Amino acid sequence: MSDCWPKVWGTNTEIYQNDLSSINILRVKKGGNCSWHSHKFKYNIFFVVSGKLEIQTDIGNSVLVEDQNFMISPGTKHLFRALEDTVAMEIMFVKYDHQDINREKVGFIEEVKNG
């Protein structure tokens, strides 16, 4: 079952979510803007299904049209703004880090003595 949240700019429908990711359908009204914000750990990918979406970041701006996408890394301030009525997918995820481990003791194989 999907959860749909009304927003001042349109609606956000979450179609999938687990501990590391979330996939949402954004329906953004022409002129609709989300807040200027950033995330500590989360990556965002915006994929435009229809319409035209401007992505503004603290490192530059991009305008996306149908079948284009844009990725935002953690710590990057950003907002989206619909230049016309827009449907977009927002894919949010936390990057898996192979170094994300605190080893207390290194793995090993015990030598087995026979007899």
C-alpha atoms as a PDB file:
ATOM      1  CA  MET A   1       0.000   0.000   0.000  1.00  0.00           C
ATOM      2  CA  SER A   2       1.260   3.460  -0.897  1.00  0.00           C
ATOM      3  CA  ASP A   3       1.277   6.425   1.454  1.00  0.00           C
ATOM      4  CA  CYS A   4       0.384   9.788  -0.094  1.00  0.00           C
ATOM      5  CA  TRP A   5       1.131  13.101   1.595  1.00  0.00           C
ATOM      6  CA  PRO A   6      -0.292  16.411   0.453  1.00  0.00           C
ATOM      7  CA  LYS A   7       2.351  19.117   0.147  1.00  0.00           C
ATOM      8  CA  VAL A   8       2.010  22.840  -0.495  1.00  0.00           C
ATOM      9  CA  TRP A   9       3.596  22.189  -3.919  1.00  0.00           C
ATOM     10  CA  GLY A  10       1.542  19.063  -4.816  1.00  0.00           C
ATOM     11  CA  THR A  11       1.679  15.468  -3.525  1.00  0.00           C
ATOM     12  CA  ASN A  12       4.308  12.917  -2.512  1.00  0.00           C
ATOM     13  CA  THR A  13       3.361   9.237  -2.842  1.00  0.00           C
ATOM     14  CA  GLU A  14       5.784   6.732  -1.342  1.00  0.00           C
ATOM     15  CA  ILE A  15       5.659   3.522  -3.375  1.00  0.00           C
ATOM     16  CA  TYR A  16       8.547   1.665  -1.695  1.00  0.00           C
ATOM     17  CA  GLN A  17      10.556   2.059   1.487  1.00  0.00           C
ATOM     18  CA  ASN A  18      13.082   0.045   3.497  1.00  0.00           C
ATOM     19  CA  ASP A  19      15.847   0.924   5.973  1.00  0.00           C
ATOM     20  CA  LEU A  20      18.207   2.129   3.221  1.00  0.00           C
ATOM     21  CA  SER A  21      15.982   3.522   0.473  1.00  0.00           C
ATOM     22  CA  SER A  22      12.674   5.085  -0.498  1.00  0.00           C
ATOM     23  CA  ILE A  23      11.004   5.579  -3.900  1.00  0.00           C
ATOM     24  CA  ASN A  24       8.423   8.332  -4.269  1.00  0.00           C
ATOM     25  CA  ILE A  25       6.219   9.760  -6.992  1.00  0.00           C
ATOM     26  CA  LEU A  26       6.142  13.554  -6.827  1.00  0.00           C
ATOM     27  CA  ARG A  27       3.299  15.432  -8.500  1.00  0.00           C
ATOM     28  CA  VAL A  28       4.452  19.045  -8.480  1.00  0.00           C
ATOM     29  CA  LYS A  29       2.186  21.912  -9.538  1.00  0.00           C
ATOM     30  CA  LYS A  30       3.607  24.553 -11.882  1.00  0.00           C
ATOM     31  CA  GLY A  31       5.465  27.067  -9.702  1.00  0.00           C
ATOM     32  CA  GLY A  32       5.659  24.613  -6.779  1.00  0.00           C
ATOM     33  CA  ASN A  33       8.894  24.655  -4.756  1.00  0.00           C
ATOM     34  CA  CYS A  34      10.108  22.372  -1.989  1.00  0.00           C
ATOM     35  CA  SER A  35      12.117  23.812   0.890  1.00  0.00           C
ATOM     36  CA  TRP A  36      15.821  24.724   0.570  1.00  0.00           C
ATOM     37  CA  HIS A  37      17.463  21.876   2.483  1.00  0.00           C
ATOM     38  CA  SER A  38      20.195  19.242   2.654  1.00  0.00           C
ATOM     39  CA  HIS A  39      20.569  15.732   4.052  1.00  0.00           C
ATOM     40  CA  LYS A  40      23.339  14.379   6.289  1.00  0.00           C
ATOM     41  CA  PHE A  41      23.504  10.869   4.793  1.00  0.00           C
ATOM     42  CA  LYS A  42      20.867  10.556   2.083  1.00  0.00           C
ATOM     43  CA  TYR A  43      21.387  10.692  -1.677  1.00  0.00           C
ATOM     44  CA  ASN A  44      18.504  11.883  -3.886  1.00  0.00           C
ATOM     45  CA  ILE A  45      17.909  11.033  -7.533  1.00  0.00           C
ATOM     46  CA  PHE A  46      15.154  12.963  -9.307  1.00  0.00           C
ATOM     47  CA  PHE A  47      13.832  11.396 -12.536  1.00  0.00           C
ATOM     48  CA  VAL A  48      11.291  13.360 -14.568  1.00  0.00           C
ATOM     49  CA  VAL A  49       8.412  11.269 -15.947  1.00  0.00           C
ATOM     50  CA  SER A  50       6.618  14.264 -17.492  1.00  0.00           C
ATOM     51  CA  GLY A  51       6.878  18.031 -17.272  1.00  0.00           C
ATOM     52  CA  LYS A  52       9.881  20.217 -16.485  1.00  0.00           C
ATOM     53  CA  LEU A  53      11.667  20.378 -13.124  1.00  0.00           C
ATOM     54  CA  GLU A  54      14.407  22.795 -12.113  1.00  0.00           C
ATOM     55  CA  ILE A  55      16.879  21.535  -9.532  1.00  0.00           C
ATOM     56  CA  GLN A  56      18.682  24.313  -7.668  1.00  0.00           C
ATOM     57  CA  THR A  57      21.759  23.444  -5.596  1.00  0.00           C
ATOM     58  CA  ASP A  58      24.473  25.377  -3.816  1.00  0.00           C
ATOM     59  CA  ILE A  59      26.833  24.280  -6.628  1.00  0.00           C
ATOM     60  CA  GLY A  60      24.615  25.083  -9.632  1.00  0.00           C
ATOM     61  CA  ASN A  61      21.216  24.618 -11.271  1.00  0.00           C
ATOM     62  CA  SER A  62      19.804  22.159 -13.836  1.00  0.00           C
ATOM     63  CA  VAL A  63      16.532  21.939 -15.719  1.00  0.00           C
ATOM     64  CA  LEU A  64      15.231  18.407 -16.263  1.00  0.00           C
ATOM     65  CA  VAL A  65      12.704  17.310 -18.860  1.00  0.00           C
ATOM     66  CA  GLU A  66      11.099  13.922 -19.512  1.00  0.00           C
ATOM     67  CA  ASP A  67      13.501  10.947 -19.093  1.00  0.00           C
ATOM     68  CA  GLN A  68      16.280  13.036 -17.503  1.00  0.00           C
ATOM     69  CA  ASN A  69      17.633  12.589 -13.993  1.00  0.00           C
ATOM     70  CA  PHE A  70      19.840  14.386 -11.479  1.00  0.00           C
ATOM     71  CA  MET A  71      21.611  13.046  -8.379  1.00  0.00           C
ATOM     72  CA  ILE A  72      22.229  15.063  -5.219  1.00  0.00           C
ATOM     73  CA  SER A  73      24.870  13.937  -2.719  1.00  0.00           C
ATOM     74  CA  PRO A  74      24.613  14.238   1.062  1.00  0.00           C
ATOM     75  CA  GLY A  75      25.437  17.712   2.344  1.00  0.00           C
ATOM     76  CA  THR A  76      24.436  19.474  -0.900  1.00  0.00           C
ATOM     77  CA  LYS A  77      21.806  22.155  -0.296  1.00  0.00           C
ATOM     78  CA  HIS A  78      19.005  21.914  -2.835  1.00  0.00           C
ATOM     79  CA  LEU A  79      15.396  22.476  -3.827  1.00  0.00           C
ATOM     80  CA  PHE A  80      13.206  21.549  -6.770  1.00  0.00           C
ATOM     81  CA  ARG A  81      10.824  23.840  -8.639  1.00  0.00           C
ATOM     82  CA  ALA A  82       8.272  22.865 -11.270  1.00  0.00           C
ATOM     83  CA  LEU A  83       8.454  25.015 -14.400  1.00  0.00           C
ATOM     84  CA  GLU A  84       5.218  23.311 -15.545  1.00  0.00           C
ATOM     85  CA  ASP A  85       3.002  20.641 -13.985  1.00  0.00           C
ATOM     86  CA  THR A  86       5.471  17.801 -13.387  1.00  0.00           C
ATOM     87  CA  VAL A  87       5.486  14.146 -12.381  1.00  0.00           C
ATOM     88  CA  ALA A  88       8.854  12.939 -11.116  1.00  0.00           C
ATOM     89  CA  MET A  89      10.288   9.976  -9.255  1.00  0.00           C
ATOM     90  CA  GLU A  90      12.427  10.692  -6.228  1.00  0.00           C
ATOM     91  CA  ILE A  91      14.742   7.842  -5.290  1.00  0.00           C
ATOM     92  CA  MET A  92      16.423   8.295  -1.920  1.00  0.00           C
ATOM     93  CA  PHE A  93      19.123   6.009  -0.634  1.00  0.00           C
ATOM     94  CA  VAL A  94      21.990   5.714   1.798  1.00  0.00           C
ATOM     95  CA  LYS A  95      25.205   4.542   0.170  1.00  0.00           C
ATOM     96  CA  TYR A  96      26.576   1.289   1.527  1.00  0.00           C
ATOM     97  CA  ASP A  97      30.150   1.758   2.742  1.00  0.00           C
ATOM     98  CA  HIS A  98      32.400  -1.315   2.925  1.00  0.00           C
ATOM     99  CA  GLN A  99      34.492   0.562   5.504  1.00  0.00           C
ATOM    100  CA  ASP A 100      31.439   0.911   7.759  1.00  0.00           C
ATOM    101  CA  ILE A 101      32.659  -1.651  10.252  1.00  0.00           C
ATOM    102  CA  ASN A 102      34.333  -1.476  13.632  1.00  0.00           C
ATOM    103  CA  ARG A 103      36.275  -4.713  14.051  1.00  0.00           C
ATOM    104  CA  GLU A 104      36.890  -5.738  17.647  1.00  0.00           C
ATOM    105  CA  LYS A 105      38.753  -8.876  16.633  1.00  0.00           C
ATOM    106  CA  VAL A 106      39.896 -10.001  13.181  1.00  0.00           C
ATOM    107  CA  GLY A 107      38.394 -13.223  11.807  1.00  0.00           C
ATOM    108  CA  PHE A 108      40.607 -16.326  11.713  1.00  0.00           C
ATOM    109  CA  ILE A 109      40.591 -20.105  11.426  1.00  0.00           C
ATOM    110  CA  GLU A 110      41.643 -22.093  14.456  1.00  0.00           C
ATOM    111  CA  GLU A 111      44.234 -24.755  13.916  1.00  0.00           C
ATOM    112  CA  VAL A 112      42.669 -28.100  14.733  1.00  0.00           C
ATOM    113  CA  LYS A 113      44.974 -30.672  16.306  1.00  0.00           C
ATOM    114  CA  ASN A 114      44.347 -34.315  15.506  1.00  0.00           C
ATOM    115  CA  GLY A 115      44.502 -36.838  18.293  1.00  0.00           C
END
